[in-house]
Protein backbone atom coordinates (compact mmCIF):
# COMPACT_ATOMS: atom_id res chain seq x y z
CA UNK A 1 -8.88 -13.75 10.77
CA UNK A 2 -8.35 -10.02 11.25
CA UNK A 3 -10.44 -7.14 9.95
CA UNK A 4 -8.44 -4.03 9.20
CA UNK A 5 -9.73 -0.68 8.06
CA UNK A 6 -7.34 1.35 5.96
CA UNK A 7 -7.85 5.06 5.64
CA UNK A 8 -5.83 7.20 3.31
CA UNK A 9 -6.64 10.77 2.47
CA UNK A 10 -5.11 12.81 -0.35
CA UNK A 11 -3.30 14.93 2.24
CA UNK A 12 -1.32 11.94 3.52
CA UNK A 13 -0.13 10.65 0.16
CA UNK A 14 3.56 10.86 -0.60
CA UNK A 15 4.57 14.25 -2.04
CA UNK A 16 5.84 12.62 -5.24
CA UNK A 17 2.41 11.19 -6.04
CA UNK A 18 0.86 12.59 -9.19
CA UNK A 19 -2.17 14.86 -9.03
CA UNK A 20 -4.22 12.17 -10.76
CA UNK A 21 -3.58 9.82 -7.85
CA UNK A 22 -4.71 12.46 -5.35
CA UNK A 23 -7.91 12.95 -7.32
CA UNK A 24 -8.81 9.27 -7.26
CA UNK A 25 -12.42 8.99 -6.03
CA UNK A 26 -11.54 6.30 -3.48
CA UNK A 27 -8.60 8.18 -1.95
CA UNK A 28 -10.41 9.61 1.10
CA UNK A 29 -12.55 6.52 1.70
CA UNK A 30 -11.93 3.64 4.06
CA UNK A 31 -11.54 0.05 2.91
CA UNK A 32 -12.36 -2.85 5.19
CA UNK A 33 -10.22 -5.86 4.33
CA UNK A 34 -9.84 -9.26 5.89
CA UNK A 35 -6.34 -10.66 6.25
CA UNK A 36 -5.57 -14.18 7.35
CA UNK A 37 -3.41 -14.88 10.36
CA UNK A 38 -0.69 -16.13 7.99
CA UNK A 39 -0.73 -12.84 6.08
CA UNK A 40 -0.59 -10.86 9.32
CA UNK A 41 2.54 -12.82 10.29
CA UNK A 42 4.10 -11.74 6.98
CA UNK A 43 3.10 -8.14 7.69
CA UNK A 44 4.73 -8.41 11.11
CA UNK A 45 8.02 -9.58 9.56
CA UNK A 46 7.88 -6.73 7.04
CA UNK A 47 7.16 -4.23 9.82
CA UNK A 48 10.16 -5.44 11.84
CA UNK A 49 12.42 -5.06 8.80
CA UNK A 50 11.03 -1.63 7.98
CA UNK A 51 11.49 -0.51 11.58
CA UNK A 52 15.16 -1.59 11.51
CA UNK A 53 15.67 0.34 8.26
CA UNK A 54 13.80 3.48 9.39
CA UNK A 55 10.90 3.09 6.98
CA UNK A 56 7.21 3.66 7.74
CA UNK A 57 5.69 0.59 9.39
CA UNK A 58 1.98 1.33 8.93
CA UNK A 59 -0.10 -1.19 7.07
CA UNK A 60 -1.10 1.48 4.57
CA UNK A 61 2.56 2.22 3.73
CA UNK A 62 3.26 -1.50 3.26
CA UNK A 63 0.18 -1.89 1.04
CA UNK A 64 1.13 1.17 -1.04
CA UNK A 65 4.65 -0.19 -1.60
CA UNK A 66 3.31 -3.67 -2.43
CA UNK A 67 0.87 -2.23 -4.98
CA UNK A 68 3.65 -0.15 -6.56
CA UNK A 69 5.93 -3.22 -6.78
CA UNK A 70 3.16 -5.31 -8.34
CA UNK A 71 2.32 -2.51 -10.79
CA UNK A 72 5.99 -2.15 -11.80
CA UNK A 73 6.25 -5.90 -12.35
CA UNK A 74 3.17 -5.90 -14.60
CA UNK A 75 4.59 -2.98 -16.59
CA UNK A 76 7.98 -4.70 -16.93
CA UNK A 77 6.28 -7.89 -18.14
CA UNK A 78 4.27 -5.93 -20.69
CA UNK A 79 0.97 -6.98 -19.10
CA UNK A 80 -0.13 -3.35 -18.71
CA UNK A 81 1.02 -0.01 -20.07
CA UNK A 82 2.61 2.57 -17.81
CA UNK A 83 0.38 5.66 -17.82
């Protein structure tokens, strides 16, 4: 089991992020998360792919993209409304 600490400040968010996202109260905070060895292997595969395709390989960039994909799927399924 691995313990990772993710830190993301408003200054490091993508320029296309809305102002509301930058104002999120948790944006500058750190989150300690535990990821299984199996999940870390998946992250490693994703990082290798992203490196080959010149994309950011940080865990925070992978998590941001995964959250956006999951959000888009929920919107497309009608489970949540797009704000």
